[in-house]
Amino acid sequence: MKKAVRLTISGRVQNVGFRYHTRQAAQKMGITGFVKNQTDGSVYAEAAGEEENLDQFILWCHSGPTWARVDEVKMQMMPFAEYAGFEVF
């Protein structure tokens, strides 16, 4: 079953390559959507895919790349949306 989520990831998640590693993780897991920096220092992502893959992606977002520090991940389910791939903004 396909699902989609909005994620707001807080901590030391900017200037550590978080968005690019997020895209890499998403592509490996078959997730589509996008990720972008927010002015408050957080990272915002919309992600869609098969439920099992999406669960893995959300779990990855709780840790991120090695040099990041994730303090909090806020998640909100959203209607499924089709994205062409996974973009970094």
C-alpha atoms as a PDB file:
ATOM      1  CA  MET A   1       0.000   0.000   0.000  1.00  0.00           C
ATOM      2  CA  LYS A   2       1.368   3.391  -0.966  1.00  0.00           C
ATOM      3  CA  LYS A   3       1.524   6.163   1.617  1.00  0.00           C
ATOM      4  CA  ALA A   4       2.965   9.642   1.986  1.00  0.00           C
ATOM      5  CA  VAL A   5       4.295  11.712   4.895  1.00  0.00           C
ATOM      6  CA  ARG A   6       5.536  15.182   5.742  1.00  0.00           C
ATOM      7  CA  LEU A   7       8.634  15.230   7.956  1.00  0.00           C
ATOM      8  CA  THR A   8      10.229  18.101   9.842  1.00  0.00           C
ATOM      9  CA  ILE A   9      13.660  17.091  11.115  1.00  0.00           C
ATOM     10  CA  SER A  10      15.370  19.191  13.792  1.00  0.00           C
ATOM     11  CA  GLY A  11      18.860  19.188  15.263  1.00  0.00           C
ATOM     12  CA  ARG A  12      22.200  19.665  13.542  1.00  0.00           C
ATOM     13  CA  VAL A  13      20.756  18.923  10.127  1.00  0.00           C
ATOM     14  CA  GLN A  14      21.917  21.854   8.003  1.00  0.00           C
ATOM     15  CA  ASN A  15      25.449  22.292   6.608  1.00  0.00           C
ATOM     16  CA  VAL A  16      26.172  18.579   7.108  1.00  0.00           C
ATOM     17  CA  GLY A  17      24.969  17.225   3.735  1.00  0.00           C
ATOM     18  CA  PHE A  18      21.697  16.026   5.244  1.00  0.00           C
ATOM     19  CA  ARG A  19      19.540  16.807   2.188  1.00  0.00           C
ATOM     20  CA  TYR A  20      21.859  15.054  -0.264  1.00  0.00           C
ATOM     21  CA  HIS A  21      22.152  11.963   1.913  1.00  0.00           C
ATOM     22  CA  THR A  22      18.371  12.009   2.326  1.00  0.00           C
ATOM     23  CA  ARG A  23      17.988  11.913  -1.466  1.00  0.00           C
ATOM     24  CA  GLN A  24      20.500   9.055  -1.682  1.00  0.00           C
ATOM     25  CA  ALA A  25      18.636   7.078   1.007  1.00  0.00           C
ATOM     26  CA  ALA A  26      15.285   7.773  -0.677  1.00  0.00           C
ATOM     27  CA  GLN A  27      16.540   6.602  -4.060  1.00  0.00           C
ATOM     28  CA  LYS A  28      17.911   3.374  -2.559  1.00  0.00           C
ATOM     29  CA  MET A  29      14.547   2.722  -0.875  1.00  0.00           C
ATOM     30  CA  GLY A  30      12.341   3.609  -3.846  1.00  0.00           C
ATOM     31  CA  ILE A  31      10.947   6.731  -2.176  1.00  0.00           C
ATOM     32  CA  THR A  32       9.867   9.792  -4.148  1.00  0.00           C
ATOM     33  CA  GLY A  33       9.335  13.366  -2.970  1.00  0.00           C
ATOM     34  CA  PHE A  34      11.606  16.227  -1.981  1.00  0.00           C
ATOM     35  CA  VAL A  35      13.697  17.684   0.828  1.00  0.00           C
ATOM     36  CA  LYS A  36      14.603  21.294   1.620  1.00  0.00           C
ATOM     37  CA  ASN A  37      16.144  23.449   4.345  1.00  0.00           C
ATOM     38  CA  GLN A  38      13.873  25.639   6.473  1.00  0.00           C
ATOM     39  CA  THR A  39      14.779  29.101   7.756  1.00  0.00           C
ATOM     40  CA  ASP A  40      14.486  27.872  11.374  1.00  0.00           C
ATOM     41  CA  GLY A  41      17.412  25.446  10.863  1.00  0.00           C
ATOM     42  CA  SER A  42      15.269  22.339  10.355  1.00  0.00           C
ATOM     43  CA  VAL A  43      14.888  20.188   7.250  1.00  0.00           C
ATOM     44  CA  TYR A  44      11.477  19.577   5.681  1.00  0.00           C
ATOM     45  CA  ALA A  45      10.687  16.567   3.502  1.00  0.00           C
ATOM     46  CA  GLU A  46       7.701  15.096   1.731  1.00  0.00           C
ATOM     47  CA  ALA A  47       8.097  11.419   0.960  1.00  0.00           C
ATOM     48  CA  ALA A  48       5.907   8.843  -0.770  1.00  0.00           C
ATOM     49  CA  GLY A  49       6.232   5.151  -1.468  1.00  0.00           C
ATOM     50  CA  GLU A  50       5.286   1.651  -0.458  1.00  0.00           C
ATOM     51  CA  GLU A  51       4.506   1.460   3.265  1.00  0.00           C
ATOM     52  CA  GLU A  52       7.426  -0.849   4.143  1.00  0.00           C
ATOM     53  CA  ASN A  53       9.950   1.299   2.246  1.00  0.00           C
ATOM     54  CA  LEU A  54       8.502   4.493   3.687  1.00  0.00           C
ATOM     55  CA  ASP A  55       8.862   3.083   7.216  1.00  0.00           C
ATOM     56  CA  GLN A  56      12.554   2.362   6.517  1.00  0.00           C
ATOM     57  CA  PHE A  57      13.036   5.876   5.149  1.00  0.00           C
ATOM     58  CA  ILE A  58      11.408   7.459   8.223  1.00  0.00           C
ATOM     59  CA  LEU A  59      13.654   5.353  10.457  1.00  0.00           C
ATOM     60  CA  TRP A  60      16.704   6.557   8.493  1.00  0.00           C
ATOM     61  CA  CYS A  61      15.576  10.181   8.974  1.00  0.00           C
ATOM     62  CA  HIS A  62      15.710   9.677  12.754  1.00  0.00           C
ATOM     63  CA  SER A  63      19.503   9.299  12.505  1.00  0.00           C
ATOM     64  CA  GLY A  64      20.549  10.811   9.150  1.00  0.00           C
ATOM     65  CA  PRO A  65      24.171  10.806   8.002  1.00  0.00           C
ATOM     66  CA  THR A  66      26.975  10.132  10.482  1.00  0.00           C
ATOM     67  CA  TRP A  67      27.897  13.773  11.185  1.00  0.00           C
ATOM     68  CA  ALA A  68      24.299  14.964  11.667  1.00  0.00           C
ATOM     69  CA  ARG A  69      22.515  15.063  15.012  1.00  0.00           C
ATOM     70  CA  VAL A  70      18.769  14.522  14.834  1.00  0.00           C
ATOM     71  CA  ASP A  71      16.972  15.778  17.935  1.00  0.00           C
ATOM     72  CA  GLU A  72      13.388  15.445  16.735  1.00  0.00           C
ATOM     73  CA  VAL A  73      11.362  14.201  13.771  1.00  0.00           C
ATOM     74  CA  LYS A  74       7.805  15.493  13.466  1.00  0.00           C
ATOM     75  CA  MET A  75       5.710  13.374  11.142  1.00  0.00           C
ATOM     76  CA  GLN A  76       2.330  13.991   9.583  1.00  0.00           C
ATOM     77  CA  MET A  77       0.557  11.631   7.208  1.00  0.00           C
ATOM     78  CA  MET A  78      -0.654  13.231   3.983  1.00  0.00           C
ATOM     79  CA  PRO A  79      -2.647  12.085   0.954  1.00  0.00           C
ATOM     80  CA  PHE A  80      -0.547   9.983  -1.409  1.00  0.00           C
ATOM     81  CA  ALA A  81       1.086  12.116  -4.099  1.00  0.00           C
ATOM     82  CA  GLU A  82       2.996  11.099  -7.208  1.00  0.00           C
ATOM     83  CA  TYR A  83       6.454  12.630  -7.536  1.00  0.00           C
ATOM     84  CA  ALA A  84       8.743  12.161 -10.531  1.00  0.00           C
ATOM     85  CA  GLY A  85      11.742  11.324  -8.325  1.00  0.00           C
ATOM     86  CA  PHE A  86      13.351  12.670  -5.167  1.00  0.00           C
ATOM     87  CA  GLU A  87      14.470  16.300  -5.418  1.00  0.00           C
ATOM     88  CA  VAL A  88      16.732  18.461  -3.269  1.00  0.00           C
ATOM     89  CA  PHE A  89      15.694  22.101  -2.963  1.00  0.00           C
END
